N, C-alpha and C. Protein backbone atom coordinates (compact mmCIF):
# COMPACT_ATOMS: atom_id res chain seq x y z
N UNK A 1 105.79 133.72 116.28
CA UNK A 1 104.80 133.56 116.92
C UNK A 1 103.76 132.29 116.21
N UNK A 2 103.19 131.68 117.33
CA UNK A 2 102.67 130.36 116.55
C UNK A 2 101.51 130.74 115.72
N UNK A 3 100.86 129.71 114.92
CA UNK A 3 99.86 129.78 114.09
C UNK A 3 98.84 129.96 115.36
N UNK A 4 97.63 130.24 114.93
CA UNK A 4 96.40 130.51 115.50
C UNK A 4 95.19 129.65 115.38
N UNK A 5 95.54 128.14 115.91
CA UNK A 5 94.50 127.28 115.66
C UNK A 5 93.19 127.56 115.75
N UNK A 6 92.80 128.39 116.87
CA UNK A 6 91.42 128.87 117.05
C UNK A 6 90.95 129.47 115.63
N UNK A 7 91.53 130.42 114.95
CA UNK A 7 90.86 131.07 113.77
C UNK A 7 90.89 129.94 112.69
N UNK A 8 91.72 128.92 112.71
CA UNK A 8 91.73 127.80 111.72
C UNK A 8 90.74 126.72 111.75
N UNK A 9 90.11 126.40 113.08
CA UNK A 9 89.23 125.52 113.29
C UNK A 9 88.21 125.59 112.73
N UNK A 10 87.46 126.35 112.54
CA UNK A 10 86.18 126.47 111.42
C UNK A 10 86.67 125.88 110.10
N UNK A 11 87.81 126.53 109.40
CA UNK A 11 88.02 126.45 108.21
C UNK A 11 88.45 124.45 107.98
N UNK A 12 89.20 124.07 109.20
CA UNK A 12 89.42 122.57 109.20
C UNK A 12 88.21 122.00 109.42
N UNK A 13 87.12 122.14 110.18
CA UNK A 13 86.15 121.44 110.16
C UNK A 13 85.22 121.53 109.02
N UNK A 14 85.07 122.69 108.41
CA UNK A 14 84.41 122.64 107.04
C UNK A 14 85.18 121.81 105.80
N UNK A 15 86.40 121.95 105.81
CA UNK A 15 87.02 121.17 105.13
C UNK A 15 86.87 119.68 105.51
N UNK A 16 86.74 119.05 106.37
CA UNK A 16 86.81 117.81 107.00
C UNK A 16 85.41 117.07 106.60
N UNK A 17 84.32 118.09 106.46
CA UNK A 17 82.65 117.51 106.53
C UNK A 17 82.79 116.82 105.18
N UNK A 18 82.83 117.05 104.01
CA UNK A 18 82.95 116.50 102.80
C UNK A 18 83.92 115.03 102.84
N UNK A 19 85.03 114.85 103.63
CA UNK A 19 85.25 113.65 103.77
C UNK A 19 84.57 112.76 104.39
N UNK A 20 83.85 113.29 105.50
CA UNK A 20 83.11 112.40 106.45
C UNK A 20 81.76 112.38 105.77
N UNK A 21 81.24 112.83 104.92
CA UNK A 21 79.91 112.55 104.25
C UNK A 21 80.02 111.89 103.13
N UNK A 22 81.12 112.06 102.26
CA UNK A 22 81.15 111.45 100.60
C UNK A 22 82.71 110.71 100.87
N UNK A 23 83.66 110.57 101.77
CA UNK A 23 84.56 109.98 101.53
C UNK A 23 85.41 110.35 100.70
N UNK A 24 85.60 111.82 100.34
CA UNK A 24 86.62 112.39 99.30
C UNK A 24 86.65 113.99 100.05
N UNK A 25 88.00 114.35 99.77
CA UNK A 25 88.16 115.90 99.86
C UNK A 25 87.75 116.77 99.06
N UNK A 26 87.44 117.92 99.23
CA UNK A 26 86.94 119.07 97.84
C UNK A 26 88.32 119.38 97.55
N UNK A 27 88.60 119.76 96.27
CA UNK A 27 89.62 120.51 95.89
C UNK A 27 90.24 121.52 96.51
N UNK A 28 91.79 121.58 96.85
CA UNK A 28 92.26 122.71 97.68
C UNK A 28 91.69 124.14 97.14
N UNK A 29 91.45 125.11 98.02
CA UNK A 29 91.42 126.42 97.18
C UNK A 29 92.57 127.27 97.56
N UNK A 30 92.96 127.80 96.56
CA UNK A 30 94.34 128.65 96.78
C UNK A 30 94.01 129.99 97.28
N UNK A 31 94.92 130.48 97.92
CA UNK A 31 94.48 131.95 98.54
C UNK A 31 94.58 132.98 97.57
N UNK A 32 93.50 133.87 97.49
CA UNK A 32 93.27 135.07 96.48
C UNK A 32 93.73 136.03 96.94
N UNK A 33 93.67 136.43 98.23
CA UNK A 33 93.72 137.44 99.17
C UNK A 33 94.39 137.33 100.29
N UNK A 34 95.45 138.39 100.67
CA UNK A 34 96.37 138.78 101.43
C UNK A 34 95.97 140.00 102.41
N UNK A 35 95.38 140.08 103.65
CA UNK A 35 95.30 141.37 104.40
C UNK A 35 96.59 141.20 105.23
N UNK A 36 97.18 142.34 105.14
CA UNK A 36 98.98 142.47 105.62
C UNK A 36 98.99 143.64 106.42
N UNK A 37 99.45 143.33 107.62
CA UNK A 37 99.83 144.75 108.51
C UNK A 37 98.93 145.27 109.47
N UNK A 38 97.74 144.54 109.56
CA UNK A 38 96.98 145.00 110.47
C UNK A 38 97.16 144.22 112.06
N UNK A 39 96.79 144.92 113.22
CA UNK A 39 96.75 144.22 114.54
C UNK A 39 95.81 143.60 114.13
N UNK A 40 95.78 141.97 114.49
CA UNK A 40 94.61 140.92 114.45
C UNK A 40 94.32 140.58 115.90
N UNK A 41 93.25 140.74 116.33
CA UNK A 41 92.43 140.00 117.43
C UNK A 41 91.61 138.79 117.02
N UNK A 42 92.45 137.64 117.04
CA UNK A 42 91.77 136.53 116.65
C UNK A 42 90.98 135.67 117.91
N UNK A 43 90.85 135.89 118.95
CA UNK A 43 90.39 135.53 119.97
C UNK A 43 90.31 136.82 121.35
N UNK A 44 89.22 136.41 122.01
CA UNK A 44 89.19 137.23 123.29
C UNK A 44 90.54 136.77 124.38
N UNK A 45 90.57 135.44 124.26
CA UNK A 45 91.73 134.87 125.14
C UNK A 45 93.17 135.11 124.73
N UNK A 46 93.28 135.41 123.26
CA UNK A 46 94.83 135.49 122.97
C UNK A 46 95.08 136.99 122.77
N UNK A 47 96.64 136.96 122.97
CA UNK A 47 97.22 138.26 122.74
C UNK A 47 96.92 138.87 121.22
N UNK A 48 96.90 140.17 121.03
CA UNK A 48 96.91 140.78 119.63
C UNK A 48 97.91 140.17 118.79
N UNK A 49 97.83 140.08 117.78
CA UNK A 49 98.85 139.73 116.85
C UNK A 49 99.37 141.07 115.86
N UNK A 50 100.28 141.53 116.29
CA UNK A 50 100.76 142.84 115.46
C UNK A 50 101.45 142.50 114.10
N UNK A 51 101.34 143.52 113.33
CA UNK A 51 101.79 143.17 111.79
C UNK A 51 101.18 141.86 111.45
N UNK A 52 99.89 141.58 111.41
CA UNK A 52 99.41 140.20 111.12
C UNK A 52 99.06 140.12 109.70
N UNK A 53 98.79 139.15 109.40
CA UNK A 53 98.65 138.47 107.98
C UNK A 53 97.28 137.46 108.11
N UNK A 54 96.26 137.77 107.30
CA UNK A 54 95.12 136.87 107.04
C UNK A 54 95.13 136.55 105.57
N UNK A 55 95.11 135.21 105.14
CA UNK A 55 94.90 134.59 103.97
C UNK A 55 93.52 134.06 103.50
N UNK A 56 93.09 134.57 102.32
CA UNK A 56 91.66 134.42 102.20
C UNK A 56 91.66 133.55 101.05
N UNK A 57 90.97 132.61 101.08
CA UNK A 57 90.74 131.57 99.81
C UNK A 57 89.46 131.33 99.43
N UNK A 58 89.10 132.02 98.31
CA UNK A 58 87.75 131.93 97.88
C UNK A 58 86.79 132.84 99.01
N UNK A 59 85.75 132.07 99.65
CA UNK A 59 85.27 132.78 100.72
C UNK A 59 85.52 132.34 102.02
N UNK A 60 86.86 131.81 102.18
CA UNK A 60 87.32 131.33 103.69
C UNK A 60 88.36 131.88 104.10
N UNK A 61 88.79 131.73 105.19
CA UNK A 61 90.06 132.13 105.96
C UNK A 61 90.82 131.02 105.92
N UNK A 62 91.82 130.94 105.03
CA UNK A 62 92.93 129.72 105.19
C UNK A 62 94.25 129.89 105.95
N UNK A 63 94.64 131.05 106.40
CA UNK A 63 95.61 130.98 107.31
C UNK A 63 95.41 132.42 107.97
N UNK A 64 96.10 132.28 109.39
CA UNK A 64 96.31 133.68 110.06
C UNK A 64 97.49 133.50 111.00
N UNK A 65 98.12 134.73 111.12
CA UNK A 65 99.45 134.89 111.65
C UNK A 65 100.25 136.05 111.66
N UNK A 66 101.30 136.12 112.35
CA UNK A 66 102.06 137.33 112.21
C UNK A 66 102.74 137.36 110.63
N UNK A 67 103.21 138.39 110.38
CA UNK A 67 103.90 138.51 109.01
C UNK A 67 105.26 137.52 109.13
N UNK A 68 105.72 137.70 110.21
CA UNK A 68 107.26 136.69 110.42
C UNK A 68 106.68 135.43 110.29
N UNK A 69 105.62 134.89 110.47
CA UNK A 69 105.28 133.33 110.41
C UNK A 69 104.21 132.94 109.52
N UNK A 70 103.87 133.76 108.77
CA UNK A 70 102.76 133.43 107.70
C UNK A 70 103.51 133.70 106.20
N UNK A 71 103.61 132.64 105.29
CA UNK A 71 104.14 133.03 104.04
C UNK A 71 102.90 133.43 103.17
N UNK A 72 103.17 134.45 102.26
CA UNK A 72 101.83 134.79 101.63
C UNK A 72 102.50 134.25 100.31
N UNK A 73 101.70 133.28 99.53
CA UNK A 73 102.22 132.86 98.09
C UNK A 73 102.25 133.81 97.19
N UNK A 74 102.92 133.55 96.28
CA UNK A 74 102.95 134.37 95.20
C UNK A 74 101.99 134.27 94.19
N UNK A 75 101.76 135.68 93.78
CA UNK A 75 100.53 135.99 92.74
C UNK A 75 99.24 136.16 93.59
N UNK A 76 99.32 136.33 94.71
CA UNK A 76 98.26 136.60 95.96
C UNK A 76 98.08 138.14 95.83
N UNK A 77 96.96 138.71 95.71
CA UNK A 77 96.64 140.00 95.90
C UNK A 77 96.86 140.40 97.21
N UNK A 78 97.75 141.72 97.65
CA UNK A 78 98.03 141.94 99.06
C UNK A 78 97.22 143.29 99.16
N UNK A 79 96.47 143.45 100.25
CA UNK A 79 95.96 144.70 100.54
C UNK A 79 96.38 145.05 102.00
N UNK A 80 97.14 146.18 101.81
CA UNK A 80 98.07 146.76 103.06
C UNK A 80 96.74 147.27 104.05
N UNK A 81 96.99 146.84 105.18
CA UNK A 81 96.27 146.98 106.34
C UNK A 81 96.95 147.66 107.33
N UNK A 82 98.01 148.26 106.97
CA UNK A 82 98.97 148.93 108.18
C UNK A 82 98.28 150.12 108.67
N UNK A 83 98.33 150.11 110.19
CA UNK A 83 97.40 151.18 111.10
C UNK A 83 95.95 150.62 111.12
N UNK A 84 95.47 149.62 110.64
CA UNK A 84 94.13 149.06 110.83
C UNK A 84 94.18 147.96 112.11
N UNK A 85 93.05 147.64 112.61
CA UNK A 85 92.52 146.82 113.59
C UNK A 85 91.61 145.68 112.71
N UNK A 86 91.68 144.45 112.94
CA UNK A 86 90.84 143.29 112.33
C UNK A 86 90.58 142.55 113.53
N UNK A 87 89.27 142.36 113.77
CA UNK A 87 88.92 141.55 114.99
C UNK A 87 88.06 140.33 114.31
N UNK A 88 88.06 139.12 115.14
CA UNK A 88 87.13 137.97 114.67
C UNK A 88 85.90 138.46 115.15
N UNK A 89 84.92 137.73 114.56
CA UNK A 89 83.48 137.96 114.83
C UNK A 89 83.03 137.11 115.68
N UNK A 90 83.28 138.02 117.03
CA UNK A 90 83.10 137.65 118.35
C UNK A 90 81.33 137.39 118.61
N UNK A 91 80.84 136.29 119.12
CA UNK A 91 79.63 136.08 119.44
C UNK A 91 79.30 136.86 120.90
N UNK A 92 78.81 137.57 120.73
CA UNK A 92 78.26 138.74 122.18
C UNK A 92 77.11 138.19 122.79
N UNK A 93 77.24 137.47 123.80
CA UNK A 93 76.03 136.42 124.31
C UNK A 93 75.71 137.41 125.68
N UNK A 94 75.69 138.39 125.70
CA UNK A 94 75.27 139.31 126.90
C UNK A 94 73.77 139.56 126.93
N UNK A 95 73.40 139.63 128.13
CA UNK A 95 71.95 139.93 128.38
C UNK A 95 71.83 141.28 128.75
N UNK A 96 70.45 141.90 128.59
CA UNK A 96 70.03 142.89 129.49
C UNK A 96 68.90 142.64 130.34
N UNK A 97 68.99 143.03 131.53
CA UNK A 97 68.28 142.65 132.57
C UNK A 97 67.23 144.12 132.95
N UNK A 98 66.00 144.01 132.17
CA UNK A 98 65.31 145.08 131.87
C UNK A 98 64.02 145.12 132.91
N UNK A 99 63.92 143.54 133.64
CA UNK A 99 62.70 143.60 134.46
C UNK A 99 62.68 144.74 135.57
N UNK A 100 61.55 145.03 136.29
CA UNK A 100 61.65 145.93 137.08
C UNK A 100 62.59 145.50 138.52
N UNK A 101 62.40 144.10 138.65
CA UNK A 101 63.20 143.57 139.77
C UNK A 101 64.66 144.07 140.01
N UNK A 102 65.35 144.11 138.77
CA UNK A 102 66.68 144.39 138.49
C UNK A 102 67.13 145.68 138.67
N UNK A 103 66.12 146.70 138.78
CA UNK A 103 66.30 148.29 139.03
C UNK A 103 67.40 148.34 140.09
N UNK A 104 68.01 149.17 139.96
CA UNK A 104 69.40 149.79 141.11
C UNK A 104 69.86 148.29 141.84
N UNK A 105 70.30 147.49 140.69
CA UNK A 105 70.81 146.23 141.29
C UNK A 105 71.89 146.29 142.27
N UNK A 106 72.67 147.13 141.87
CA UNK A 106 73.91 147.48 142.74
C UNK A 106 73.72 147.72 144.43
N UNK A 107 72.29 147.71 144.56
CA UNK A 107 72.18 148.14 146.06
C UNK A 107 71.37 147.14 146.60
N UNK A 108 70.73 145.90 145.71
CA UNK A 108 70.37 144.79 146.33
C UNK A 108 71.23 143.91 147.00
N UNK A 109 70.70 143.16 148.00
CA UNK A 109 71.61 142.38 148.67
C UNK A 109 71.92 141.19 147.96
N UNK A 110 73.07 140.42 147.71
CA UNK A 110 73.54 139.35 147.10
C UNK A 110 72.54 138.30 147.08
N UNK A 111 71.91 137.92 148.37
CA UNK A 111 71.11 136.63 148.55
C UNK A 111 69.98 136.82 147.72
N UNK A 112 69.32 138.04 147.93
CA UNK A 112 67.99 138.47 146.92
C UNK A 112 68.47 138.33 145.45
N UNK A 113 69.68 138.93 144.97
CA UNK A 113 70.21 138.91 143.53
C UNK A 113 70.09 137.54 143.02
N UNK A 114 70.55 136.52 143.88
CA UNK A 114 70.61 135.20 143.76
C UNK A 114 69.27 134.53 143.49
N UNK A 115 68.39 134.57 144.53
CA UNK A 115 66.91 134.34 144.31
C UNK A 115 66.20 134.84 142.99
N UNK A 116 66.59 135.80 142.52
CA UNK A 116 65.96 136.38 141.46
C UNK A 116 66.33 135.76 140.37
N UNK A 117 67.69 135.42 140.18
CA UNK A 117 68.25 134.68 139.05
C UNK A 117 67.62 133.13 138.78
C-alpha cells in the first residue's frame, strides 16, 4: 500500500517553513513512538488502512502507512493498537438549519428552498 501523502502534508509543510523563513532546516526529529496494528482512517476519501502504523516524532506525525510498507526504526517504543481504530482529526464543517423557515424542509418545494438559501 502506498504512503499517504495526505497525512504527511502537514508535517512536510511545517518542516519546510523554517527553510523559507530562515534559510535553514530544523534538526530532524527521530520517531519516538509507533502506534501499530490499528485500522487507520487517514482521509474521508481514502480507504482504511488495516494493520496500520503511525510513527510519532516529538509532537508530530512523521509517517503513516501499513505495517507492510512502513519501517519502524529500532529503539522506538511500540504501542500495540490491534483491534482499535484511529481516525484523522477531520474538520466537521456542517451546519444546523434551526430557523423556522427550515422546519419540515423535506416538504418544501426545491425552488423555495433554493430561494431561502
